[in-house]
């Protein structure tokens, strides 16, 4: 799996674009790099563009490794929003994948989209709310 992390200053939003075959080691490496990014703070909002990511065939064991990393870093991740964008027609498959194994509950809100602009609008809505300019959820 390959990834690129950028900061979209005009929206105060981290953008992560992935491609290739998903596996736990690469996914965790991406998450570690994201947490080290100079614009990543607890409660940051991010949009993950997984439209070129091949996530079929990911094992439950890999999912558990990713979840464990998330739980171990919950304080650093915080209560921001993570908008996940998948290729059109694959949102049900993404949900089906993550419905396997032991669930975790964190303060980070995650929502899956098939439209990149919808994902950005949802993710930045939280940023606007945090700044007090809007009360929308």
Protein backbone atom coordinates (compact mmCIF):
# COMPACT_ATOMS: atom_id res chain seq x y z
CA UNK A 1 0.00 0.00 0.00
CA UNK A 2 1.23 3.48 -0.87
CA UNK A 3 0.01 6.75 0.59
CA UNK A 4 0.53 10.48 0.47
CA UNK A 5 -0.35 12.84 3.32
CA UNK A 6 -1.00 16.52 2.61
CA UNK A 7 -2.36 19.41 4.64
CA UNK A 8 -5.11 21.50 3.06
CA UNK A 9 -4.53 24.78 4.90
CA UNK A 10 -7.58 26.57 3.48
CA UNK A 11 -9.80 23.96 5.17
CA UNK A 12 -7.54 23.03 8.10
CA UNK A 13 -7.86 19.44 6.93
CA UNK A 14 -5.42 16.57 6.51
CA UNK A 15 -5.79 14.63 3.29
CA UNK A 16 -4.51 11.09 2.90
CA UNK A 17 -4.57 9.41 -0.52
CA UNK A 18 -3.92 5.68 -0.65
CA UNK A 19 -3.46 3.11 -3.39
CA UNK A 20 -2.38 -0.49 -3.74
CA UNK A 21 -3.32 -3.48 -1.60
CA UNK A 22 -4.32 -2.80 2.02
CA UNK A 23 -2.56 -4.66 4.84
CA UNK A 24 -2.06 -3.96 8.53
CA UNK A 25 1.65 -3.12 8.42
CA UNK A 26 1.28 -0.49 5.70
CA UNK A 27 -1.95 0.89 7.19
CA UNK A 28 -0.28 1.31 10.59
CA UNK A 29 2.80 2.89 8.96
CA UNK A 30 0.46 5.40 7.31
CA UNK A 31 -1.24 6.12 10.64
CA UNK A 32 2.13 6.61 12.38
CA UNK A 33 3.25 9.03 9.66
CA UNK A 34 -0.06 10.87 9.95
CA UNK A 35 0.32 11.25 13.72
CA UNK A 36 3.86 12.62 13.15
CA UNK A 37 2.67 15.17 10.58
CA UNK A 38 3.33 18.74 11.82
CA UNK A 39 -0.33 19.70 11.26
CA UNK A 40 -1.77 16.66 13.03
CA UNK A 41 -3.01 17.37 16.54
CA UNK A 42 -5.49 15.57 18.78
CA UNK A 43 -9.00 16.21 17.41
CA UNK A 44 -7.71 16.92 13.89
CA UNK A 45 -10.03 16.18 11.00
CA UNK A 46 -8.96 14.12 8.01
CA UNK A 47 -10.24 12.81 4.71
CA UNK A 48 -8.91 9.43 3.59
CA UNK A 49 -9.17 8.92 -0.16
CA UNK A 50 -9.23 5.13 -0.47
CA UNK A 51 -10.74 5.14 -3.98
CA UNK A 52 -7.60 3.44 -5.38
CA UNK A 53 -7.13 1.12 -2.39
CA UNK A 54 -7.71 -2.60 -2.82
CA UNK A 55 -9.20 -3.73 0.49
CA UNK A 56 -10.75 -7.04 -0.53
CA UNK A 57 -9.11 -9.98 1.18
CA UNK A 58 -7.93 -8.10 4.29
CA UNK A 59 -7.80 -10.59 7.15
CA UNK A 60 -9.59 -10.21 10.48
CA UNK A 61 -6.14 -10.45 12.08
CA UNK A 62 -5.00 -7.37 10.09
CA UNK A 63 -8.16 -5.50 11.11
CA UNK A 64 -7.46 -6.29 14.77
CA UNK A 65 -3.89 -4.99 14.46
CA UNK A 66 -5.20 -1.72 13.00
CA UNK A 67 -7.85 -1.43 15.73
CA UNK A 68 -5.24 -2.12 18.43
CA UNK A 69 -3.04 0.67 17.04
CA UNK A 70 -6.04 3.01 17.04
CA UNK A 71 -6.90 2.17 20.66
CA UNK A 72 -3.28 2.54 21.80
CA UNK A 73 -3.17 6.00 20.21
CA UNK A 74 -6.69 7.15 21.05
CA UNK A 75 -5.49 10.14 23.09
CA UNK A 76 -3.26 11.34 20.25
CA UNK A 77 -6.05 10.84 17.70
CA UNK A 78 -8.71 12.55 19.79
CA UNK A 79 -12.30 13.36 18.86
CA UNK A 80 -11.96 14.67 15.31
CA UNK A 81 -13.66 13.42 12.18
CA UNK A 82 -12.28 10.90 9.71
CA UNK A 83 -14.07 10.91 6.37
CA UNK A 84 -13.39 7.74 4.38
CA UNK A 85 -13.88 7.90 0.60
CA UNK A 86 -14.18 4.65 -1.34
CA UNK A 87 -14.85 3.96 -5.00
CA UNK A 88 -18.47 4.30 -6.09
CA UNK A 89 -20.40 1.16 -5.23
CA UNK A 90 -17.96 -0.05 -2.55
CA UNK A 91 -19.21 1.63 0.64
CA UNK A 92 -21.17 -1.48 1.63
CA UNK A 93 -18.05 -3.58 1.09
CA UNK A 94 -16.03 -1.22 3.33
CA UNK A 95 -18.67 -1.52 6.07
CA UNK A 96 -18.78 -5.30 5.62
CA UNK A 97 -14.99 -5.49 5.99
CA UNK A 98 -14.92 -3.48 9.22
CA UNK A 99 -17.93 -5.31 10.68
CA UNK A 100 -15.66 -8.32 11.22
CA UNK A 101 -13.83 -8.94 14.47
CA UNK A 102 -13.89 -7.16 17.80
CA UNK A 103 -15.31 -3.64 17.69
CA UNK A 104 -13.73 -0.60 19.32
CA UNK A 105 -15.33 2.58 20.53
CA UNK A 106 -13.40 5.83 20.39
CA UNK A 107 -14.20 9.52 20.29
CA UNK A 108 -13.05 9.81 16.68
CA UNK A 109 -16.06 9.96 14.38
CA UNK A 110 -15.81 8.01 11.13
CA UNK A 111 -18.13 8.19 8.15
CA UNK A 112 -17.82 6.51 4.75
CA UNK A 113 -18.54 8.34 1.50
CA UNK A 114 -18.47 7.58 -2.20
CA UNK A 115 -18.16 11.26 -3.10
CA UNK A 116 -14.97 13.19 -2.23
CA UNK A 117 -16.67 16.59 -1.94
CA UNK A 118 -19.33 15.22 0.42
CA UNK A 119 -16.55 13.77 2.57
CA UNK A 120 -14.70 17.08 2.76
CA UNK A 121 -17.87 18.99 3.60
CA UNK A 122 -18.65 16.59 6.44
CA UNK A 123 -15.09 16.67 7.79
CA UNK A 124 -14.77 20.46 7.77
CA UNK A 125 -18.21 20.92 9.33
CA UNK A 126 -16.61 19.70 12.56
CA UNK A 127 -13.78 22.22 12.19
CA UNK A 128 -16.27 25.05 11.76
CA UNK A 129 -18.24 23.84 14.79
CA UNK A 130 -15.07 23.71 16.91
CA UNK A 131 -14.34 27.33 16.03
CA UNK A 132 -17.85 28.35 17.09
CA UNK A 133 -19.04 29.59 13.70
CA UNK A 134 -21.67 26.92 13.35
CA UNK A 135 -23.72 24.68 15.60
CA UNK A 136 -24.49 22.11 12.89
CA UNK A 137 -23.57 18.47 13.51
